[in-house]
PDB file of N, CA and C in Angstrom:
ATOM      1  N   MET A   1      -6.715 -46.570 -22.069  1.00  0.00           N
ATOM      2  CA  MET A   1      -6.538 -46.003 -20.736  1.00  0.00           C
ATOM      3  C   MET A   1      -5.614 -44.789 -20.777  1.00  0.00           C
ATOM      4  N   LEU A   2      -4.570 -44.888 -21.582  1.00  0.00           N
ATOM      5  CA  LEU A   2      -3.643 -43.766 -21.698  1.00  0.00           C
ATOM      6  C   LEU A   2      -4.330 -42.566 -22.334  1.00  0.00           C
ATOM      7  N   ARG A   3      -5.233 -42.808 -23.253  1.00  0.00           N
ATOM      8  CA  ARG A   3      -5.963 -41.739 -23.931  1.00  0.00           C
ATOM      9  C   ARG A   3      -6.852 -40.989 -22.951  1.00  0.00           C
ATOM     10  N   LYS A   4      -7.524 -41.691 -22.029  1.00  0.00           N
ATOM     11  CA  LYS A   4      -8.391 -41.061 -21.033  1.00  0.00           C
ATOM     12  C   LYS A   4      -7.573 -40.185 -20.079  1.00  0.00           C
ATOM     13  N   ALA A   5      -6.412 -40.681 -19.689  1.00  0.00           N
ATOM     14  CA  ALA A   5      -5.571 -39.936 -18.757  1.00  0.00           C
ATOM     15  C   ALA A   5      -5.067 -38.649 -19.391  1.00  0.00           C
ATOM     16  N   SER A   6      -4.642 -38.705 -20.643  1.00  0.00           N
ATOM     17  CA  SER A   6      -4.141 -37.496 -21.289  1.00  0.00           C
ATOM     18  C   SER A   6      -5.267 -36.489 -21.530  1.00  0.00           C
ATOM     19  N   THR A   7      -6.462 -36.949 -21.851  1.00  0.00           N
ATOM     20  CA  THR A   7      -7.610 -36.052 -22.017  1.00  0.00           C
ATOM     21  C   THR A   7      -7.967 -35.404 -20.685  1.00  0.00           C
ATOM     22  N   ARG A   8      -7.914 -36.179 -19.636  1.00  0.00           N
ATOM     23  CA  ARG A   8      -8.221 -35.644 -18.298  1.00  0.00           C
ATOM     24  C   ARG A   8      -7.185 -34.598 -17.883  1.00  0.00           C
ATOM     25  N   HIS A   9      -5.900 -34.867 -18.137  1.00  0.00           N
ATOM     26  CA  HIS A   9      -4.854 -33.901 -17.812  1.00  0.00           C
ATOM     27  C   HIS A   9      -5.010 -32.619 -18.623  1.00  0.00           C
ATOM     28  N   LEU A  10      -5.388 -32.766 -19.879  1.00  0.00           N
ATOM     29  CA  LEU A  10      -5.607 -31.605 -20.730  1.00  0.00           C
ATOM     30  C   LEU A  10      -6.762 -30.751 -20.204  1.00  0.00           C
ATOM     31  N   LEU A  11      -7.832 -31.373 -19.788  1.00  0.00           N
ATOM     32  CA  LEU A  11      -8.966 -30.637 -19.233  1.00  0.00           C
ATOM     33  C   LEU A  11      -8.592 -29.928 -17.924  1.00  0.00           C
ATOM     34  N   ILE A  12      -7.780 -30.557 -17.106  1.00  0.00           N
ATOM     35  CA  ILE A  12      -7.323 -29.935 -15.861  1.00  0.00           C
ATOM     36  C   ILE A  12      -6.447 -28.721 -16.165  1.00  0.00           C
ATOM     37  N   ILE A  13      -5.558 -28.848 -17.135  1.00  0.00           N
ATOM     38  CA  ILE A  13      -4.688 -27.722 -17.508  1.00  0.00           C
ATOM     39  C   ILE A  13      -5.516 -26.569 -18.063  1.00  0.00           C
ATOM     40  N   ILE A  14      -6.506 -26.865 -18.891  1.00  0.00           N
ATOM     41  CA  ILE A  14      -7.375 -25.815 -19.435  1.00  0.00           C
ATOM     42  C   ILE A  14      -8.161 -25.140 -18.316  1.00  0.00           C
ATOM     43  N   ALA A  15      -8.671 -25.915 -17.363  1.00  0.00           N
ATOM     44  CA  ALA A  15      -9.422 -25.345 -16.240  1.00  0.00           C
ATOM     45  C   ALA A  15      -8.527 -24.437 -15.390  1.00  0.00           C
ATOM     46  N   ILE A  16      -7.299 -24.849 -15.146  1.00  0.00           N
ATOM     47  CA  ILE A  16      -6.359 -24.021 -14.380  1.00  0.00           C
ATOM     48  C   ILE A  16      -6.054 -22.738 -15.145  1.00  0.00           C
ATOM     49  N   PHE A  17      -5.854 -22.829 -16.454  1.00  0.00           N
ATOM     50  CA  PHE A  17      -5.586 -21.658 -17.278  1.00  0.00           C
ATOM     51  C   PHE A  17      -6.757 -20.675 -17.227  1.00  0.00           C
ATOM     52  N   ILE A  18      -7.974 -21.172 -17.335  1.00  0.00           N
ATOM     53  CA  ILE A  18      -9.164 -20.315 -17.270  1.00  0.00           C
ATOM     54  C   ILE A  18      -9.280 -19.662 -15.901  1.00  0.00           C
ATOM     55  N   ALA A  19      -9.028 -20.408 -14.838  1.00  0.00           N
ATOM     56  CA  ALA A  19      -9.103 -19.853 -13.481  1.00  0.00           C
ATOM     57  C   ALA A  19      -8.043 -18.774 -13.284  1.00  0.00           C
ATOM     58  N   LEU A  20      -6.819 -19.006 -13.750  1.00  0.00           N
ATOM     59  CA  LEU A  20      -5.760 -17.997 -13.621  1.00  0.00           C
ATOM     60  C   LEU A  20      -6.070 -16.751 -14.440  1.00  0.00           C
ATOM     61  N   THR A  21      -6.619 -16.928 -15.620  1.00  0.00           N
ATOM     62  CA  THR A  21      -7.003 -15.779 -16.451  1.00  0.00           C
ATOM     63  C   THR A  21      -8.096 -14.976 -15.765  1.00  0.00           C
ATOM     64  N   PHE A  22      -9.078 -15.641 -15.196  1.00  0.00           N
ATOM     65  CA  PHE A  22     -10.158 -14.965 -14.480  1.00  0.00           C
ATOM     66  C   PHE A  22      -9.619 -14.187 -13.278  1.00  0.00           C
ATOM     67  N   LEU A  23      -8.718 -14.798 -12.509  1.00  0.00           N
ATOM     68  CA  LEU A  23      -8.133 -14.108 -11.359  1.00  0.00           C
ATOM     69  C   LEU A  23      -7.302 -12.907 -11.791  1.00  0.00           C
ATOM     70  N   ARG A  24      -6.599 -13.031 -12.907  1.00  0.00           N
ATOM     71  CA  ARG A  24      -5.799 -11.910 -13.425  1.00  0.00           C
ATOM     72  C   ARG A  24      -6.703 -10.746 -13.836  1.00  0.00           C
ATOM     73  N   ILE A  25      -7.829 -11.026 -14.469  1.00  0.00           N
ATOM     74  CA  ILE A  25      -8.765  -9.969 -14.863  1.00  0.00           C
ATOM     75  C   ILE A  25      -9.346  -9.298 -13.626  1.00  0.00           C
ATOM     76  N   LEU A  26      -9.701 -10.058 -12.609  1.00  0.00           N
ATOM     77  CA  LEU A  26     -10.193  -9.473 -11.363  1.00  0.00           C
ATOM     78  C   LEU A  26      -9.135  -8.597 -10.707  1.00  0.00           C
ATOM     79  N   TRP A  27      -7.888  -9.047 -10.696  1.00  0.00           N
ATOM     80  CA  TRP A  27      -6.789  -8.290 -10.103  1.00  0.00           C
ATOM     81  C   TRP A  27      -6.590  -6.968 -10.845  1.00  0.00           C
ATOM     82  N   LEU A  28      -6.594  -7.002 -12.168  1.00  0.00           N
ATOM     83  CA  LEU A  28      -6.447  -5.781 -12.955  1.00  0.00           C
ATOM     84  C   LEU A  28      -7.590  -4.810 -12.704  1.00  0.00           C
ATOM     85  N   ASN A  29      -8.800  -5.324 -12.633  1.00  0.00           N
ATOM     86  CA  ASN A  29      -9.964  -4.478 -12.398  1.00  0.00           C
ATOM     87  C   ASN A  29      -9.893  -3.821 -11.028  1.00  0.00           C
ATOM     88  N   TYR A  30      -9.360  -4.507 -10.043  1.00  0.00           N
ATOM     89  CA  TYR A  30      -9.282  -3.970  -8.686  1.00  0.00           C
ATOM     90  C   TYR A  30      -8.172  -2.928  -8.537  1.00  0.00           C
ATOM     91  N   PHE A  31      -7.021  -3.146  -9.166  1.00  0.00           N
ATOM     92  CA  PHE A  31      -5.867  -2.287  -8.933  1.00  0.00           C
ATOM     93  C   PHE A  31      -5.657  -1.179  -9.964  1.00  0.00           C
ATOM     94  N   LEU A  32      -6.338  -1.216 -11.087  1.00  0.00           N
ATOM     95  CA  LEU A  32      -6.193  -0.126 -12.044  1.00  0.00           C
ATOM     96  C   LEU A  32      -6.898   1.118 -11.517  1.00  0.00           C
ATOM     97  N   PRO A  33      -6.343   2.305 -11.747  1.00  0.00           N
ATOM     98  CA  PRO A  33      -7.002   3.514 -11.256  1.00  0.00           C
ATOM     99  C   PRO A  33      -8.345   3.722 -11.944  1.00  0.00           C
ATOM    100  N   SER A  34      -9.264   4.336 -11.213  1.00  0.00           N
ATOM    101  CA  SER A  34     -10.585   4.561 -11.783  1.00  0.00           C
ATOM    102  C   SER A  34     -10.527   5.669 -12.822  1.00  0.00           C
ATOM    103  N   THR A  35     -11.547   5.734 -13.660  1.00  0.00           N
ATOM    104  CA  THR A  35     -11.563   6.690 -14.765  1.00  0.00           C
ATOM    105  C   THR A  35     -12.103   8.054 -14.358  1.00  0.00           C
ATOM    106  N   HIS A  36     -12.688   8.190 -13.190  1.00  0.00           N
ATOM    107  CA  HIS A  36     -13.280   9.460 -12.780  1.00  0.00           C
ATOM    108  C   HIS A  36     -12.370  10.260 -11.842  1.00  0.00           C
ATOM    109  N   GLN A  37     -11.076  10.119 -12.009  1.00  0.00           N
ATOM    110  CA  GLN A  37     -10.141  10.842 -11.169  1.00  0.00           C
ATOM    111  C   GLN A  37      -9.856  12.219 -11.757  1.00  0.00           C
ATOM    112  N   PRO A  38      -9.536  13.190 -10.883  1.00  0.00           N
ATOM    113  CA  PRO A  38      -9.182  14.514 -11.399  1.00  0.00           C
ATOM    114  C   PRO A  38      -7.844  14.449 -12.129  1.00  0.00           C
ATOM    115  N   SER A  39      -7.715  15.274 -13.147  1.00  0.00           N
ATOM    116  CA  SER A  39      -6.470  15.269 -13.906  1.00  0.00           C
ATOM    117  C   SER A  39      -5.728  16.586 -13.691  1.00  0.00           C
ATOM    118  N   ALA A  40      -4.422  16.512 -13.811  1.00  0.00           N
ATOM    119  CA  ALA A  40      -3.591  17.696 -13.623  1.00  0.00           C
ATOM    120  C   ALA A  40      -3.465  18.441 -14.942  1.00  0.00           C
ATOM    121  N   LYS A  41      -3.560  19.764 -14.859  1.00  0.00           N
ATOM    122  CA  LYS A  41      -3.375  20.608 -16.040  1.00  0.00           C
ATOM    123  C   LYS A  41      -2.377  21.687 -15.671  1.00  0.00           C
ATOM    124  N   ASP A  42      -1.253  21.735 -16.353  1.00  0.00           N
ATOM    125  CA  ASP A  42      -0.160  22.672 -16.074  1.00  0.00           C
ATOM    126  C   ASP A  42       0.355  22.522 -14.646  1.00  0.00           C
ATOM    127  N   GLY A  43       0.387  21.299 -14.142  1.00  0.00           N
ATOM    128  CA  GLY A  43       0.911  21.043 -12.806  1.00  0.00           C
ATOM    129  C   GLY A  43      -0.044  21.363 -11.682  1.00  0.00           C
ATOM    130  N   VAL A  44      -1.330  21.642 -11.971  1.00  0.00           N
ATOM    131  CA  VAL A  44      -2.311  21.995 -10.949  1.00  0.00           C
ATOM    132  C   VAL A  44      -3.454  20.992 -10.994  1.00  0.00           C
ATOM    133  N   VAL A  45      -3.836  20.471  -9.831  1.00  0.00           N
ATOM    134  CA  VAL A  45      -4.959  19.551  -9.724  1.00  0.00           C
ATOM    135  C   VAL A  45      -6.065  20.253  -8.951  1.00  0.00           C
ATOM    136  N   ASN A  46      -7.240  20.359  -9.539  1.00  0.00           N
ATOM    137  CA  ASN A  46      -8.385  20.970  -8.870  1.00  0.00           C
ATOM    138  C   ASN A  46      -9.173  19.873  -8.165  1.00  0.00           C
ATOM    139  N   ILE A  47      -9.128  19.883  -6.835  1.00  0.00           N
ATOM    140  CA  ILE A  47      -9.842  18.864  -6.055  1.00  0.00           C
ATOM    141  C   ILE A  47     -10.941  19.495  -5.203  1.00  0.00           C
ATOM    142  N   ASN A  48     -11.456  20.654  -5.641  1.00  0.00           N
ATOM    143  CA  ASN A  48     -12.512  21.329  -4.887  1.00  0.00           C
ATOM    144  C   ASN A  48     -13.771  20.484  -4.779  1.00  0.00           C
ATOM    145  N   ASN A  49     -14.173  19.811  -5.846  1.00  0.00           N
ATOM    146  CA  ASN A  49     -15.412  19.045  -5.845  1.00  0.00           C
ATOM    147  C   ASN A  49     -15.195  17.571  -5.518  1.00  0.00           C
ATOM    148  N   LEU A  50     -14.014  17.222  -5.056  1.00  0.00           N
ATOM    149  CA  LEU A  50     -13.690  15.833  -4.755  1.00  0.00           C
ATOM    150  C   LEU A  50     -14.160  15.475  -3.354  1.00  0.00           C
ATOM    151  N   THR A  51     -14.896  14.389  -3.238  1.00  0.00           N
ATOM    152  CA  THR A  51     -15.327  13.910  -1.933  1.00  0.00           C
ATOM    153  C   THR A  51     -14.187  13.132  -1.300  1.00  0.00           C
ATOM    154  N   ILE A  52     -13.960  13.379  -0.032  1.00  0.00           N
ATOM    155  CA  ILE A  52     -12.882  12.688   0.662  1.00  0.00           C
ATOM    156  C   ILE A  52     -13.294  11.237   0.885  1.00  0.00           C
ATOM    157  N   SER A  53     -12.444  10.343   0.444  1.00  0.00           N
ATOM    158  CA  SER A  53     -12.694   8.916   0.618  1.00  0.00           C
ATOM    159  C   SER A  53     -11.351   8.223   0.754  1.00  0.00           C
ATOM    160  N   GLU A  54     -11.381   6.934   0.801  1.00  0.00           N
ATOM    161  CA  GLU A  54     -10.146   6.176   0.920  1.00  0.00           C
ATOM    162  C   GLU A  54      -9.607   5.778  -0.453  1.00  0.00           C
ATOM    163  N   GLU A  55     -10.169   6.359  -1.507  1.00  0.00           N
ATOM    164  CA  GLU A  55      -9.705   6.043  -2.849  1.00  0.00           C
ATOM    165  C   GLU A  55      -8.363   6.716  -3.117  1.00  0.00           C
ATOM    166  N   VAL A  56      -7.492   6.019  -3.788  1.00  0.00           N
ATOM    167  CA  VAL A  56      -6.173   6.543  -4.116  1.00  0.00           C
ATOM    168  C   VAL A  56      -6.291   7.395  -5.372  1.00  0.00           C
ATOM    169  N   ILE A  57      -5.695   8.581  -5.342  1.00  0.00           N
ATOM    170  CA  ILE A  57      -5.704   9.465  -6.492  1.00  0.00           C
ATOM    171  C   ILE A  57      -4.365   9.330  -7.201  1.00  0.00           C
ATOM    172  N   SER A  58      -4.414   9.033  -8.480  1.00  0.00           N
ATOM    173  CA  SER A  58      -3.198   8.860  -9.261  1.00  0.00           C
ATOM    174  C   SER A  58      -2.662  10.224  -9.676  1.00  0.00           C
ATOM    175  N   LEU A  59      -1.397  10.480  -9.401  1.00  0.00           N
ATOM    176  CA  LEU A  59      -0.758  11.741  -9.764  1.00  0.00           C
ATOM    177  C   LEU A  59       0.258  11.494 -10.872  1.00  0.00           C
ATOM    178  N   ASP A  60      -0.238  11.147 -12.036  1.00  0.00           N
ATOM    179  CA  ASP A  60       0.630  10.892 -13.169  1.00  0.00           C
ATOM    180  C   ASP A  60       1.129  12.207 -13.750  1.00  0.00           C
ATOM    181  N   GLY A  61       2.321  12.198 -14.289  1.00  0.00           N
ATOM    182  CA  GLY A  61       2.864  13.385 -14.941  1.00  0.00           C
ATOM    183  C   GLY A  61       4.131  13.858 -14.267  1.00  0.00           C
ATOM    184  N   GLY A  62       4.613  15.010 -14.718  1.00  0.00           N
ATOM    185  CA  GLY A  62       5.833  15.579 -14.166  1.00  0.00           C
ATOM    186  C   GLY A  62       5.543  16.505 -13.000  1.00  0.00           C
ATOM    187  N   TRP A  63       6.245  16.337 -11.921  1.00  0.00           N
ATOM    188  CA  TRP A  63       6.041  17.143 -10.724  1.00  0.00           C
ATOM    189  C   TRP A  63       7.393  17.635 -10.223  1.00  0.00           C
ATOM    190  N   ILE A  64       7.407  18.850  -9.678  1.00  0.00           N
ATOM    191  CA  ILE A  64       8.617  19.412  -9.081  1.00  0.00           C
ATOM    192  C   ILE A  64       8.348  19.596  -7.600  1.00  0.00           C
ATOM    193  N   TYR A  65       9.278  19.166  -6.782  1.00  0.00           N
ATOM    194  CA  TYR A  65       9.150  19.252  -5.328  1.00  0.00           C
ATOM    195  C   TYR A  65      10.025  20.393  -4.821  1.00  0.00           C
ATOM    196  N   TYR A  66       9.417  21.331  -4.090  1.00  0.00           N
ATOM    197  CA  TYR A  66      10.129  22.443  -3.476  1.00  0.00           C
ATOM    198  C   TYR A  66      10.113  22.228  -1.967  1.00  0.00           C
ATOM    199  N   PRO A  67      11.146  21.653  -1.379  1.00  0.00           N
ATOM    200  CA  PRO A  67      11.139  21.388   0.065  1.00  0.00           C
ATOM    201  C   PRO A  67      11.146  22.684   0.862  1.00  0.00           C
ATOM    202  N   GLY A  68      10.249  22.768   1.863  1.00  0.00           N
ATOM    203  CA  GLY A  68      10.188  23.923   2.760  1.00  0.00           C
ATOM    204  C   GLY A  68       9.560  25.145   2.130  1.00  0.00           C
ATOM    205  N   GLN A  69       8.906  25.012   0.982  1.00  0.00           N
ATOM    206  CA  GLN A  69       8.302  26.160   0.308  1.00  0.00           C
ATOM    207  C   GLN A  69       6.857  25.876  -0.027  1.00  0.00           C
ATOM    208  N   PHE A  70       6.046  26.932   0.012  1.00  0.00           N
ATOM    209  CA  PHE A  70       4.655  26.845  -0.425  1.00  0.00           C
ATOM    210  C   PHE A  70       4.574  27.525  -1.788  1.00  0.00           C
ATOM    211  N   VAL A  71       4.159  26.801  -2.787  1.00  0.00           N
ATOM    212  CA  VAL A  71       4.082  27.336  -4.143  1.00  0.00           C
ATOM    213  C   VAL A  71       2.627  27.312  -4.574  1.00  0.00           C
ATOM    214  N   ASN A  72       2.109  28.456  -5.006  1.00  0.00           N
ATOM    215  CA  ASN A  72       0.763  28.513  -5.553  1.00  0.00           C
ATOM    216  C   ASN A  72       0.809  29.177  -6.925  1.00  0.00           C
ATOM    217  N   SER A  73      -0.350  29.417  -7.513  1.00  0.00           N
ATOM    218  CA  SER A  73      -0.368  29.929  -8.883  1.00  0.00           C
ATOM    219  C   SER A  73       0.139  31.370  -8.986  1.00  0.00           C
ATOM    220  N   GLU A  74       0.067  32.150  -7.899  1.00  0.00           N
ATOM    221  CA  GLU A  74       0.536  33.527  -7.943  1.00  0.00           C
ATOM    222  C   GLU A  74       2.065  33.622  -7.878  1.00  0.00           C
ATOM    223  N   ASN A  75       2.693  32.765  -7.124  1.00  0.00           N
ATOM    224  CA  ASN A  75       4.156  32.808  -6.969  1.00  0.00           C
ATOM    225  C   ASN A  75       4.769  31.482  -7.401  1.00  0.00           C
ATOM    226  N   LYS A  76       4.740  31.211  -8.665  1.00  0.00           N
ATOM    227  CA  LYS A  76       5.213  29.911  -9.165  1.00  0.00           C
ATOM    228  C   LYS A  76       6.668  29.632  -8.860  1.00  0.00           C
ATOM    229  N   GLY A  77       7.438  30.652  -8.562  1.00  0.00           N
ATOM    230  CA  GLY A  77       8.837  30.437  -8.192  1.00  0.00           C
ATOM    231  C   GLY A  77       8.968  29.868  -6.803  1.00  0.00           C
ATOM    232  N   GLY A  78       7.968  30.084  -5.948  1.00  0.00           N
ATOM    233  CA  GLY A  78       8.007  29.569  -4.587  1.00  0.00           C
ATOM    234  C   GLY A  78       8.540  30.583  -3.595  1.00  0.00           C
ATOM    235  N   ASN A  79       7.994  30.549  -2.393  1.00  0.00           N
ATOM    236  CA  ASN A  79       8.501  31.387  -1.313  1.00  0.00           C
ATOM    237  C   ASN A  79       8.428  30.612  -0.029  1.00  0.00           C
ATOM    238  N   LYS A  80       9.154  31.068   0.968  1.00  0.00           N
ATOM    239  CA  LYS A  80       9.154  30.363   2.259  1.00  0.00           C
ATOM    240  C   LYS A  80       8.126  30.994   3.164  1.00  0.00           C
ATOM    241  N   GLU A  81       7.000  30.290   3.338  1.00  0.00           N
ATOM    242  CA  GLU A  81       5.944  30.747   4.248  1.00  0.00           C
ATOM    243  C   GLU A  81       5.553  29.621   5.186  1.00  0.00           C
TER     244      GLU A  81
END
């Protein structure tokens, strides 16, 4: 009788482990950024051909914030416009 109980507990633990692993894989698949996102090159992201959607765009890399300034490729130092 003790042998049946321990085998049953082992099967329950394995089933829980498999279910948790499956849920973790689903969670990773849902929250990882997609592979077809635009990438930044020299601090510039080209989003001309990007369709507007509710998808989050990952902005990985180094960025500099210039408060109150508009900075474009012609005036990389920034100006107040």
